Amino acid sequence: MMMNKITPDHLARSAYLYVRQSTSDQLVNNPESRRRQYALASRARTLGWQDVVVIDDDLGRSGGGTARPGFERLLAAICTGGAGAVLANEASRLARNGRDWHTLLEFCTLVNTLIIDEDGIYDPKLTNDRLLLGMKGTFSELELSILRQRSQEALRLKAVRGDLHTSVAVGYLRSADDRLELDPDKRVREALHLGSVPN
């Protein structure tokens, strides 16, 4: 059933692989996720695509509110009819806010572009596929909202306890017993002293 969603029209266009990780920390500490995402190029070829375009311009960029040139390139390729399919490890990771997600779905529907992830092949023109994609997007947005709420509540509770520590001002260091002390480096202290002398 999945294979018959892929038509010669889809295969005549390119398959676009959208690779992203939200933070530079993920880039450093989670290379396996990136490897899995790049491996989807092989899946696209197995499914019959000869031309696979990899867009990885958005590595290290958050999906929420930050400009994402890679995502813009992807939308442009879809709108011009150049994309027969868009691949991602998890379809809802293509866009991390409702506006971008629904824009992507609308464009894919209008120009007959498939969405493919590890779970399946989706044709946004089909009611059941559209419903499933909509739910995936909604759950992804809910997950982000819950994570954000938990993080803010944890910060609030730390502040209430007096354990919330932000960055330390230049010229000071945090001691082992969590006190602020002048930097022991004589040059740093002299530079601070020079900066405080009136002209």
N, C-alpha and C. Protein backbone atom coordinates (compact mmCIF):
# COMPACT_ATOMS: atom_id res chain seq x y z
N MET A 1 0.82 -1.20 0.00
CA MET A 1 0.00 0.00 0.00
C MET A 1 0.86 1.26 0.00
N MET A 2 1.98 1.25 0.77
CA MET A 2 2.83 2.43 0.83
C MET A 2 3.48 2.70 -0.52
N MET A 3 3.94 1.64 -1.19
CA MET A 3 4.65 1.82 -2.45
C MET A 3 3.75 2.43 -3.51
N ASN A 4 2.43 2.11 -3.50
CA ASN A 4 1.58 2.65 -4.56
C ASN A 4 1.27 4.13 -4.36
N LYS A 5 1.70 4.72 -3.25
CA LYS A 5 1.58 6.17 -3.09
C LYS A 5 2.64 6.89 -3.92
N ILE A 6 3.74 6.20 -4.19
CA ILE A 6 4.83 6.78 -4.96
C ILE A 6 4.55 6.55 -6.45
N THR A 7 4.36 7.63 -7.17
CA THR A 7 4.03 7.56 -8.59
C THR A 7 5.25 7.97 -9.43
N PRO A 8 5.21 7.67 -10.74
CA PRO A 8 6.29 8.15 -11.62
C PRO A 8 6.47 9.67 -11.54
N ASP A 9 5.39 10.40 -11.31
CA ASP A 9 5.49 11.87 -11.18
C ASP A 9 6.35 12.25 -9.97
N HIS A 10 6.15 11.57 -8.86
CA HIS A 10 6.97 11.83 -7.67
C HIS A 10 8.44 11.53 -7.96
N LEU A 11 8.70 10.37 -8.60
CA LEU A 11 10.07 9.93 -8.86
C LEU A 11 10.77 10.80 -9.90
N ALA A 12 10.01 11.45 -10.76
CA ALA A 12 10.61 12.33 -11.77
C ALA A 12 11.16 13.61 -11.14
N ARG A 13 10.70 13.93 -9.95
CA ARG A 13 11.20 15.09 -9.22
C ARG A 13 12.24 14.63 -8.20
N SER A 14 12.79 15.56 -7.47
CA SER A 14 13.83 15.21 -6.48
C SER A 14 13.20 14.83 -5.15
N ALA A 15 13.95 14.01 -4.40
CA ALA A 15 13.60 13.74 -3.01
C ALA A 15 14.45 14.68 -2.17
N TYR A 16 13.84 15.41 -1.27
CA TYR A 16 14.55 16.36 -0.41
C TYR A 16 14.67 15.79 1.00
N LEU A 17 15.89 15.70 1.47
CA LEU A 17 16.17 15.21 2.81
C LEU A 17 16.50 16.42 3.68
N TYR A 18 15.66 16.66 4.69
CA TYR A 18 15.86 17.81 5.58
C TYR A 18 16.49 17.32 6.87
N VAL A 19 17.74 17.75 7.11
CA VAL A 19 18.51 17.33 8.28
C VAL A 19 18.62 18.50 9.23
N ARG A 20 18.28 18.26 10.49
CA ARG A 20 18.45 19.35 11.46
C ARG A 20 18.62 18.81 12.87
N GLN A 21 19.33 19.59 13.68
CA GLN A 21 19.40 19.41 15.12
C GLN A 21 19.32 20.81 15.70
N SER A 22 18.62 20.94 16.80
CA SER A 22 18.24 22.28 17.28
C SER A 22 19.35 23.08 17.92
N THR A 23 20.34 22.44 18.54
CA THR A 23 21.34 23.21 19.29
C THR A 23 22.75 22.75 18.94
N SER A 24 23.72 23.61 19.20
CA SER A 24 25.12 23.24 18.97
C SER A 24 25.53 22.12 19.92
N ASP A 25 24.92 22.07 21.11
CA ASP A 25 25.19 20.99 22.06
C ASP A 25 24.78 19.64 21.46
N GLN A 26 23.62 19.60 20.77
CA GLN A 26 23.20 18.35 20.12
C GLN A 26 24.17 17.96 19.01
N LEU A 27 24.69 18.95 18.30
CA LEU A 27 25.65 18.66 17.23
C LEU A 27 26.89 17.97 17.79
N VAL A 28 27.34 18.43 18.95
CA VAL A 28 28.56 17.88 19.55
C VAL A 28 28.28 16.52 20.21
N ASN A 29 27.18 16.43 20.95
CA ASN A 29 26.94 15.26 21.80
C ASN A 29 26.02 14.19 21.21
N ASN A 30 25.40 14.46 20.07
CA ASN A 30 24.48 13.47 19.53
C ASN A 30 24.70 13.26 18.03
N PRO A 31 25.89 12.77 17.65
CA PRO A 31 26.16 12.55 16.22
C PRO A 31 25.32 11.42 15.62
N GLU A 32 24.85 10.50 16.47
CA GLU A 32 24.07 9.36 15.96
C GLU A 32 22.78 9.83 15.30
N SER A 33 22.14 10.85 15.88
CA SER A 33 20.92 11.39 15.29
C SER A 33 21.18 11.91 13.88
N ARG A 34 22.32 12.60 13.73
CA ARG A 34 22.68 13.14 12.42
C ARG A 34 22.93 12.00 11.43
N ARG A 35 23.65 10.97 11.87
CA ARG A 35 23.92 9.82 11.00
C ARG A 35 22.62 9.17 10.53
N ARG A 36 21.67 9.01 11.46
CA ARG A 36 20.38 8.42 11.10
C ARG A 36 19.65 9.28 10.07
N GLN A 37 19.74 10.60 10.24
CA GLN A 37 19.06 11.48 9.31
C GLN A 37 19.69 11.40 7.91
N TYR A 38 21.02 11.45 7.85
CA TYR A 38 21.69 11.36 6.54
C TYR A 38 21.43 10.01 5.87
N ALA A 39 21.24 8.96 6.68
CA ALA A 39 21.00 7.62 6.13
C ALA A 39 19.68 7.54 5.37
N LEU A 40 18.78 8.49 5.59
CA LEU A 40 17.51 8.48 4.86
C LEU A 40 17.72 8.70 3.36
N ALA A 41 18.87 9.22 2.96
CA ALA A 41 19.16 9.36 1.52
C ALA A 41 19.16 7.99 0.86
N SER A 42 19.71 6.99 1.55
CA SER A 42 19.70 5.62 1.02
C SER A 42 18.29 5.09 0.90
N ARG A 43 17.45 5.42 1.87
CA ARG A 43 16.05 4.97 1.81
C ARG A 43 15.36 5.58 0.59
N ALA A 44 15.61 6.86 0.34
CA ALA A 44 14.99 7.51 -0.82
C ALA A 44 15.41 6.81 -2.11
N ARG A 45 16.68 6.45 -2.20
CA ARG A 45 17.14 5.76 -3.41
C ARG A 45 16.52 4.37 -3.52
N THR A 46 16.39 3.68 -2.39
CA THR A 46 15.75 2.36 -2.38
C THR A 46 14.30 2.46 -2.85
N LEU A 47 13.63 3.56 -2.49
CA LEU A 47 12.24 3.76 -2.90
C LEU A 47 12.12 4.19 -4.37
N GLY A 48 13.25 4.48 -5.02
CA GLY A 48 13.21 4.76 -6.46
C GLY A 48 13.69 6.13 -6.90
N TRP A 49 14.03 7.01 -5.95
CA TRP A 49 14.50 8.34 -6.36
C TRP A 49 15.96 8.28 -6.79
N GLN A 50 16.26 8.92 -7.91
CA GLN A 50 17.65 8.99 -8.39
C GLN A 50 18.31 10.26 -7.86
N ASP A 51 17.55 11.33 -7.78
CA ASP A 51 18.09 12.61 -7.34
C ASP A 51 17.64 12.90 -5.91
N VAL A 52 18.61 12.90 -4.99
CA VAL A 52 18.30 13.18 -3.58
C VAL A 52 19.08 14.44 -3.19
N VAL A 53 18.35 15.46 -2.76
CA VAL A 53 18.95 16.73 -2.35
C VAL A 53 18.94 16.79 -0.83
N VAL A 54 20.13 16.99 -0.25
CA VAL A 54 20.25 17.07 1.21
C VAL A 54 20.31 18.55 1.60
N ILE A 55 19.40 18.95 2.49
CA ILE A 55 19.41 20.31 3.04
C ILE A 55 19.77 20.20 4.52
N ASP A 56 20.96 20.69 4.86
CA ASP A 56 21.39 20.63 6.26
C ASP A 56 21.86 22.00 6.75
N ASP A 57 21.31 23.05 6.14
CA ASP A 57 21.69 24.43 6.52
C ASP A 57 21.26 24.80 7.94
N ASP A 58 20.29 24.08 8.50
CA ASP A 58 19.72 24.48 9.78
C ASP A 58 20.28 23.70 10.97
N LEU A 59 21.41 23.02 10.77
CA LEU A 59 22.02 22.31 11.89
C LEU A 59 22.44 23.32 12.96
N GLY A 60 22.04 23.07 14.19
CA GLY A 60 22.37 23.97 15.30
C GLY A 60 21.43 25.14 15.44
N ARG A 61 20.32 25.14 14.69
CA ARG A 61 19.34 26.23 14.79
C ARG A 61 18.05 25.68 15.38
N SER A 62 17.50 26.41 16.31
CA SER A 62 16.23 26.03 16.91
C SER A 62 15.10 26.22 15.91
N GLY A 63 14.08 25.37 16.03
CA GLY A 63 12.92 25.49 15.15
C GLY A 63 11.93 26.53 15.62
N GLY A 64 12.11 27.09 16.78
CA GLY A 64 11.13 28.02 17.32
C GLY A 64 11.57 29.46 17.21
N GLY A 65 11.11 30.15 16.19
CA GLY A 65 11.33 31.58 16.10
C GLY A 65 12.63 32.01 15.43
N THR A 66 13.57 31.10 15.24
CA THR A 66 14.84 31.46 14.63
C THR A 66 14.73 31.34 13.11
N ALA A 67 15.40 32.24 12.41
CA ALA A 67 15.42 32.15 10.94
C ALA A 67 16.09 30.84 10.54
N ARG A 68 15.45 30.13 9.63
CA ARG A 68 16.00 28.86 9.18
C ARG A 68 16.10 28.86 7.65
N PRO A 69 17.26 29.21 7.11
CA PRO A 69 17.41 29.26 5.66
C PRO A 69 17.17 27.92 4.99
N GLY A 70 17.53 26.83 5.66
CA GLY A 70 17.31 25.50 5.08
C GLY A 70 15.83 25.21 4.91
N PHE A 71 15.04 25.55 5.92
CA PHE A 71 13.59 25.33 5.84
C PHE A 71 13.00 26.18 4.72
N GLU A 72 13.49 27.41 4.58
CA GLU A 72 13.01 28.28 3.49
C GLU A 72 13.35 27.68 2.13
N ARG A 73 14.55 27.12 2.00
CA ARG A 73 14.95 26.44 0.76
C ARG A 73 14.04 25.26 0.46
N LEU A 74 13.70 24.51 1.51
CA LEU A 74 12.81 23.36 1.36
C LEU A 74 11.45 23.80 0.86
N LEU A 75 10.88 24.83 1.49
CA LEU A 75 9.57 25.34 1.06
C LEU A 75 9.62 25.83 -0.38
N ALA A 76 10.70 26.50 -0.76
CA ALA A 76 10.83 27.00 -2.13
C ALA A 76 10.86 25.84 -3.11
N ALA A 77 11.59 24.77 -2.78
CA ALA A 77 11.66 23.59 -3.66
C ALA A 77 10.30 22.94 -3.82
N ILE A 78 9.54 22.89 -2.71
CA ILE A 78 8.20 22.31 -2.77
C ILE A 78 7.30 23.19 -3.64
N CYS A 79 7.31 24.49 -3.38
CA CYS A 79 6.42 25.43 -4.10
C CYS A 79 6.67 25.45 -5.60
N THR A 80 7.91 25.29 -6.01
CA THR A 80 8.23 25.33 -7.43
C THR A 80 7.99 23.98 -8.10
N GLY A 81 7.55 22.99 -7.32
CA GLY A 81 7.24 21.68 -7.88
C GLY A 81 8.44 20.79 -8.06
N GLY A 82 9.59 21.19 -7.49
CA GLY A 82 10.81 20.40 -7.65
C GLY A 82 10.93 19.21 -6.70
N ALA A 83 10.09 19.18 -5.68
CA ALA A 83 10.19 18.11 -4.67
C ALA A 83 9.08 17.08 -4.86
N GLY A 84 9.48 15.85 -5.14
CA GLY A 84 8.51 14.75 -5.20
C GLY A 84 8.23 14.20 -3.82
N ALA A 85 9.22 14.34 -2.93
CA ALA A 85 9.06 13.87 -1.55
C ALA A 85 9.99 14.65 -0.63
N VAL A 86 9.58 14.73 0.62
CA VAL A 86 10.39 15.33 1.68
C VAL A 86 10.60 14.24 2.72
N LEU A 87 11.85 14.01 3.10
CA LEU A 87 12.17 12.97 4.07
C LEU A 87 12.74 13.56 5.35
N ALA A 88 12.37 12.97 6.47
CA ALA A 88 12.92 13.33 7.78
C ALA A 88 12.77 12.10 8.67
N ASN A 89 13.59 12.01 9.72
CA ASN A 89 13.46 10.87 10.64
C ASN A 89 12.06 10.79 11.22
N GLU A 90 11.53 11.92 11.61
CA GLU A 90 10.18 12.01 12.16
C GLU A 90 9.52 13.19 11.47
N ALA A 91 8.41 12.94 10.80
CA ALA A 91 7.78 13.97 9.98
C ALA A 91 7.57 15.28 10.73
N SER A 92 7.13 15.20 11.97
CA SER A 92 6.82 16.44 12.71
C SER A 92 8.06 17.24 13.04
N ARG A 93 9.26 16.65 12.89
CA ARG A 93 10.50 17.40 13.14
C ARG A 93 10.83 18.35 11.99
N LEU A 94 10.10 18.23 10.89
CA LEU A 94 10.34 19.14 9.77
C LEU A 94 10.10 20.58 10.19
N ALA A 95 9.11 20.79 11.03
CA ALA A 95 8.78 22.15 11.50
C ALA A 95 8.42 22.04 12.97
N ARG A 96 8.92 22.98 13.78
CA ARG A 96 8.68 22.87 15.21
C ARG A 96 7.69 23.89 15.74
N ASN A 97 6.90 24.47 14.86
CA ASN A 97 5.79 25.29 15.34
C ASN A 97 4.62 25.07 14.38
N GLY A 98 3.42 25.30 14.86
CA GLY A 98 2.22 25.00 14.11
C GLY A 98 2.12 25.74 12.79
N ARG A 99 2.54 26.99 12.77
CA ARG A 99 2.42 27.78 11.54
C ARG A 99 3.28 27.17 10.43
N ASP A 100 4.55 26.87 10.74
CA ASP A 100 5.43 26.27 9.73
C ASP A 100 4.96 24.89 9.31
N TRP A 101 4.48 24.12 10.28
CA TRP A 101 4.03 22.76 9.99
C TRP A 101 2.84 22.78 9.03
N HIS A 102 1.85 23.62 9.32
CA HIS A 102 0.66 23.66 8.46
C HIS A 102 0.96 24.27 7.10
N THR A 103 1.89 25.22 7.06
CA THR A 103 2.33 25.78 5.77
C THR A 103 2.96 24.68 4.93
N LEU A 104 3.83 23.90 5.54
CA LEU A 104 4.48 22.79 4.83
C LEU A 104 3.44 21.80 4.30
N LEU A 105 2.49 21.42 5.15
CA LEU A 105 1.44 20.48 4.72
C LEU A 105 0.62 21.03 3.57
N GLU A 106 0.25 22.30 3.64
CA GLU A 106 -0.54 22.92 2.57
C GLU A 106 0.21 22.91 1.25
N PHE A 107 1.48 23.30 1.30
CA PHE A 107 2.28 23.33 0.07
C PHE A 107 2.43 21.93 -0.51
N CYS A 108 2.70 20.95 0.35
CA CYS A 108 2.84 19.57 -0.12
C CYS A 108 1.54 19.07 -0.76
N THR A 109 0.43 19.45 -0.19
CA THR A 109 -0.88 19.06 -0.73
C THR A 109 -1.10 19.68 -2.11
N LEU A 110 -0.80 20.97 -2.21
CA LEU A 110 -1.06 21.70 -3.46
C LEU A 110 -0.24 21.18 -4.64
N VAL A 111 1.00 20.80 -4.39
CA VAL A 111 1.87 20.41 -5.51
C VAL A 111 2.15 18.91 -5.54
N ASN A 112 1.41 18.14 -4.73
CA ASN A 112 1.51 16.68 -4.76
C ASN A 112 2.90 16.18 -4.35
N THR A 113 3.36 16.62 -3.17
CA THR A 113 4.64 16.18 -2.61
C THR A 113 4.37 15.24 -1.44
N LEU A 114 5.05 14.10 -1.43
CA LEU A 114 4.90 13.14 -0.34
C LEU A 114 5.78 13.55 0.84
N ILE A 115 5.41 13.09 2.03
CA ILE A 115 6.23 13.25 3.22
C ILE A 115 6.57 11.84 3.70
N ILE A 116 7.86 11.60 3.92
CA ILE A 116 8.31 10.26 4.28
C ILE A 116 9.15 10.35 5.55
N ASP A 117 8.83 9.48 6.52
CA ASP A 117 9.67 9.37 7.70
C ASP A 117 9.90 7.90 8.00
N GLU A 118 10.51 7.60 9.13
CA GLU A 118 10.83 6.21 9.46
C GLU A 118 9.58 5.36 9.64
N ASP A 119 8.45 5.99 9.96
CA ASP A 119 7.22 5.24 10.19
C ASP A 119 6.41 4.99 8.93
N GLY A 120 6.59 5.81 7.90
CA GLY A 120 5.75 5.58 6.73
C GLY A 120 5.90 6.61 5.63
N ILE A 121 5.06 6.43 4.63
CA ILE A 121 4.97 7.34 3.49
C ILE A 121 3.59 7.97 3.53
N TYR A 122 3.55 9.29 3.54
CA TYR A 122 2.28 10.01 3.71
C TYR A 122 2.00 10.88 2.49
N ASP A 123 0.78 10.82 2.05
CA ASP A 123 0.32 11.68 0.97
C ASP A 123 -0.66 12.67 1.59
N PRO A 124 -0.26 13.94 1.76
CA PRO A 124 -1.12 14.90 2.45
C PRO A 124 -2.46 15.14 1.76
N LYS A 125 -2.62 14.69 0.51
CA LYS A 125 -3.91 14.83 -0.17
C LYS A 125 -4.93 13.81 0.34
N LEU A 126 -4.44 12.71 0.93
CA LEU A 126 -5.33 11.67 1.44
C LEU A 126 -5.79 12.03 2.86
N THR A 127 -7.07 11.93 3.08
CA THR A 127 -7.66 12.35 4.35
C THR A 127 -7.00 11.69 5.55
N ASN A 128 -6.83 10.37 5.50
CA ASN A 128 -6.24 9.67 6.66
C ASN A 128 -4.79 10.07 6.89
N ASP A 129 -4.04 10.22 5.81
CA ASP A 129 -2.65 10.64 5.96
C ASP A 129 -2.57 12.07 6.51
N ARG A 130 -3.44 12.93 6.01
CA ARG A 130 -3.47 14.32 6.48
C ARG A 130 -3.81 14.36 7.98
N LEU A 131 -4.76 13.53 8.39
CA LEU A 131 -5.14 13.46 9.80
C LEU A 131 -3.95 13.01 10.65
N LEU A 132 -3.27 11.95 10.20
CA LEU A 132 -2.13 11.44 10.95
C LEU A 132 -1.01 12.47 11.02
N LEU A 133 -0.72 13.13 9.91
CA LEU A 133 0.31 14.17 9.91
C LEU A 133 -0.07 15.33 10.82
N GLY A 134 -1.35 15.70 10.81
CA GLY A 134 -1.82 16.76 11.69
C GLY A 134 -1.63 16.41 13.15
N MET A 135 -1.93 15.15 13.49
CA MET A 135 -1.76 14.70 14.88
C MET A 135 -0.29 14.68 15.27
N LYS A 136 0.57 14.23 14.36
CA LYS A 136 2.01 14.22 14.66
C LYS A 136 2.49 15.64 14.95
N GLY A 137 2.07 16.59 14.14
CA GLY A 137 2.45 17.98 14.36
C GLY A 137 1.94 18.54 15.67
N THR A 138 0.69 18.21 16.00
CA THR A 138 0.09 18.68 17.25
C THR A 138 0.82 18.10 18.46
N PHE A 139 1.13 16.81 18.41
CA PHE A 139 1.84 16.18 19.52
C PHE A 139 3.24 16.77 19.68
N SER A 140 3.89 17.05 18.57
CA SER A 140 5.23 17.64 18.63
C SER A 140 5.18 19.01 19.29
N GLU A 141 4.20 19.81 18.91
CA GLU A 141 4.05 21.15 19.48
C GLU A 141 3.72 21.06 20.97
N LEU A 142 2.86 20.11 21.34
CA LEU A 142 2.51 19.90 22.75
C LEU A 142 3.74 19.49 23.55
N GLU A 143 4.54 18.59 22.99
CA GLU A 143 5.75 18.14 23.65
C GLU A 143 6.68 19.32 23.94
N LEU A 144 6.88 20.18 22.97
CA LEU A 144 7.74 21.36 23.17
C LEU A 144 7.19 22.27 24.25
N SER A 145 5.88 22.46 24.23
CA SER A 145 5.24 23.32 25.21
C SER A 145 5.42 22.77 26.63
N ILE A 146 5.25 21.47 26.78
CA ILE A 146 5.41 20.84 28.10
C ILE A 146 6.86 20.95 28.58
N LEU A 147 7.82 20.70 27.68
CA LEU A 147 9.23 20.81 28.04
C LEU A 147 9.58 22.24 28.47
N ARG A 148 9.04 23.22 27.73
CA ARG A 148 9.29 24.63 28.06
C ARG A 148 8.70 24.96 29.44
N GLN A 149 7.48 24.47 29.68
CA GLN A 149 6.81 24.72 30.97
C GLN A 149 7.61 24.12 32.12
N ARG A 150 8.07 22.88 31.95
CA ARG A 150 8.84 22.22 33.00
C ARG A 150 10.13 22.97 33.28
N SER A 151 10.79 23.41 32.23
CA SER A 151 12.04 24.14 32.39
C SER A 151 11.82 25.45 33.14
N GLN A 152 10.78 26.18 32.79
CA GLN A 152 10.49 27.45 33.46
C GLN A 152 10.12 27.24 34.92
N GLU A 153 9.36 26.18 35.18
CA GLU A 153 8.98 25.89 36.57
C GLU A 153 10.20 25.49 37.39
N ALA A 154 11.11 24.73 36.81
CA ALA A 154 12.33 24.35 37.52
C ALA A 154 13.17 25.58 37.86
N LEU A 155 13.27 26.52 36.92
CA LEU A 155 14.01 27.76 37.18
C LEU A 155 13.33 28.58 38.27
N ARG A 156 12.01 28.64 38.24
CA ARG A 156 11.26 29.40 39.25
C ARG A 156 11.51 28.81 40.65
N LEU A 157 11.45 27.48 40.75
CA LEU A 157 11.65 26.82 42.04
C LEU A 157 13.08 27.03 42.55
N LYS A 158 14.07 26.99 41.66
CA LYS A 158 15.45 27.26 42.06
C LYS A 158 15.58 28.69 42.58
N ALA A 159 14.92 29.63 41.91
CA ALA A 159 14.98 31.04 42.34
C ALA A 159 14.35 31.19 43.72
N VAL A 160 13.22 30.53 43.96
CA VAL A 160 12.54 30.60 45.25
C VAL A 160 13.45 30.08 46.36
N ARG A 161 14.20 29.00 46.06
CA ARG A 161 15.13 28.43 47.05
C ARG A 161 16.40 29.24 47.18
N GLY A 162 16.65 30.15 46.25
CA GLY A 162 17.90 30.92 46.26
C GLY A 162 19.03 30.18 45.59
N ASP A 163 18.71 29.16 44.80
CA ASP A 163 19.74 28.36 44.13
C ASP A 163 19.91 28.69 42.66
N LEU A 164 19.23 29.70 42.18
CA LEU A 164 19.33 30.05 40.76
C LEU A 164 20.54 30.95 40.56
N HIS A 165 21.51 30.45 39.85
CA HIS A 165 22.74 31.20 39.62
C HIS A 165 22.86 31.52 38.14
N THR A 166 22.98 32.77 37.87
CA THR A 166 23.18 33.18 36.48
C THR A 166 24.67 33.43 36.28
N SER A 167 25.03 34.00 35.17
CA SER A 167 26.44 34.22 34.91
C SER A 167 27.01 35.23 35.92
N VAL A 168 28.30 35.11 36.12
CA VAL A 168 29.00 35.97 37.08
C VAL A 168 29.58 37.16 36.32
N ALA A 169 29.55 38.33 36.93
CA ALA A 169 30.08 39.55 36.30
C ALA A 169 31.57 39.41 36.03
N VAL A 170 32.02 40.10 35.01
CA VAL A 170 33.44 40.08 34.65
C VAL A 170 34.26 40.55 35.84
N GLY A 171 35.33 39.81 36.12
CA GLY A 171 36.21 40.18 37.22
C GLY A 171 35.92 39.41 38.49
N TYR A 172 34.86 38.61 38.48
CA TYR A 172 34.50 37.81 39.65
C TYR A 172 34.47 36.33 39.26
N LEU A 173 34.63 35.49 40.24
CA LEU A 173 34.54 34.05 40.05
C LEU A 173 33.66 33.47 41.15
N ARG A 174 33.06 32.35 40.88
CA ARG A 174 32.27 31.66 41.89
C ARG A 174 33.20 30.69 42.62
N SER A 175 33.25 30.80 43.95
CA SER A 175 34.15 29.95 44.73
C SER A 175 33.53 28.57 44.91
N ALA A 176 34.33 27.66 45.48
CA ALA A 176 33.86 26.29 45.71
C ALA A 176 32.64 26.26 46.63
N ASP A 177 32.57 27.22 47.58
CA ASP A 177 31.41 27.26 48.48
C ASP A 177 30.32 28.20 47.96
N ASP A 178 30.35 28.47 46.64
CA ASP A 178 29.30 29.20 45.94
C ASP A 178 29.22 30.68 46.31
N ARG A 179 30.35 31.26 46.70
CA ARG A 179 30.39 32.70 46.97
C ARG A 179 31.05 33.39 45.78
N LEU A 180 30.75 34.70 45.63
CA LEU A 180 31.40 35.49 44.58
C LEU A 180 32.67 36.10 45.15
N GLU A 181 33.77 35.95 44.41
CA GLU A 181 35.05 36.50 44.84
C GLU A 181 35.71 37.21 43.67
N LEU A 182 36.56 38.19 43.98
CA LEU A 182 37.32 38.85 42.92
C LEU A 182 38.21 37.84 42.23
N ASP A 183 38.39 38.01 40.94
CA ASP A 183 39.27 37.14 40.17
C ASP A 183 40.68 37.25 40.76
N PRO A 184 41.35 36.13 41.04
CA PRO A 184 42.69 36.18 41.63
C PRO A 184 43.75 36.70 40.64
N ASP A 185 43.42 36.74 39.37
CA ASP A 185 44.37 37.22 38.36
C ASP A 185 44.60 38.72 38.53
N LYS A 186 45.84 39.10 38.85
CA LYS A 186 46.18 40.50 39.13
C LYS A 186 45.86 41.40 37.94
N ARG A 187 46.11 40.92 36.71
CA ARG A 187 45.85 41.74 35.52
C ARG A 187 44.36 42.05 35.36
N VAL A 188 43.51 41.07 35.68
CA VAL A 188 42.06 41.29 35.60
C VAL A 188 41.65 42.35 36.61
N ARG A 189 42.16 42.24 37.86
CA ARG A 189 41.81 43.21 38.89
C ARG A 189 42.30 44.61 38.53
N GLU A 190 43.50 44.71 37.96
CA GLU A 190 44.04 46.01 37.55
C GLU A 190 43.21 46.61 36.41
N ALA A 191 42.81 45.76 35.48
CA ALA A 191 41.98 46.25 34.36
C ALA A 191 40.65 46.77 34.88
N LEU A 192 40.07 46.09 35.85
CA LEU A 192 38.81 46.56 36.44
C LEU A 192 39.01 47.88 37.16
N HIS A 193 40.12 47.99 37.87
CA HIS A 193 40.42 49.21 38.61
C HIS A 193 40.62 50.39 37.64
N LEU A 194 41.34 50.16 36.52
CA LEU A 194 41.55 51.21 35.53
C LEU A 194 40.22 51.66 34.93
N GLY A 195 39.32 50.69 34.71
CA GLY A 195 38.03 51.02 34.12
C GLY A 195 37.15 51.84 35.05
N SER A 196 37.43 51.79 36.35
CA SER A 196 36.57 52.51 37.30
C SER A 196 37.12 53.89 37.66
N VAL A 197 38.32 54.23 37.15
CA VAL A 197 38.91 55.54 37.46
C VAL A 197 38.23 56.60 36.63
N PRO A 198 37.71 57.66 37.26
CA PRO A 198 37.03 58.72 36.49
C PRO A 198 38.02 59.46 35.61
N ASN A 199 37.54 59.97 34.44
CA ASN A 199 38.38 60.73 33.50
C ASN A 199 38.63 62.13 34.00
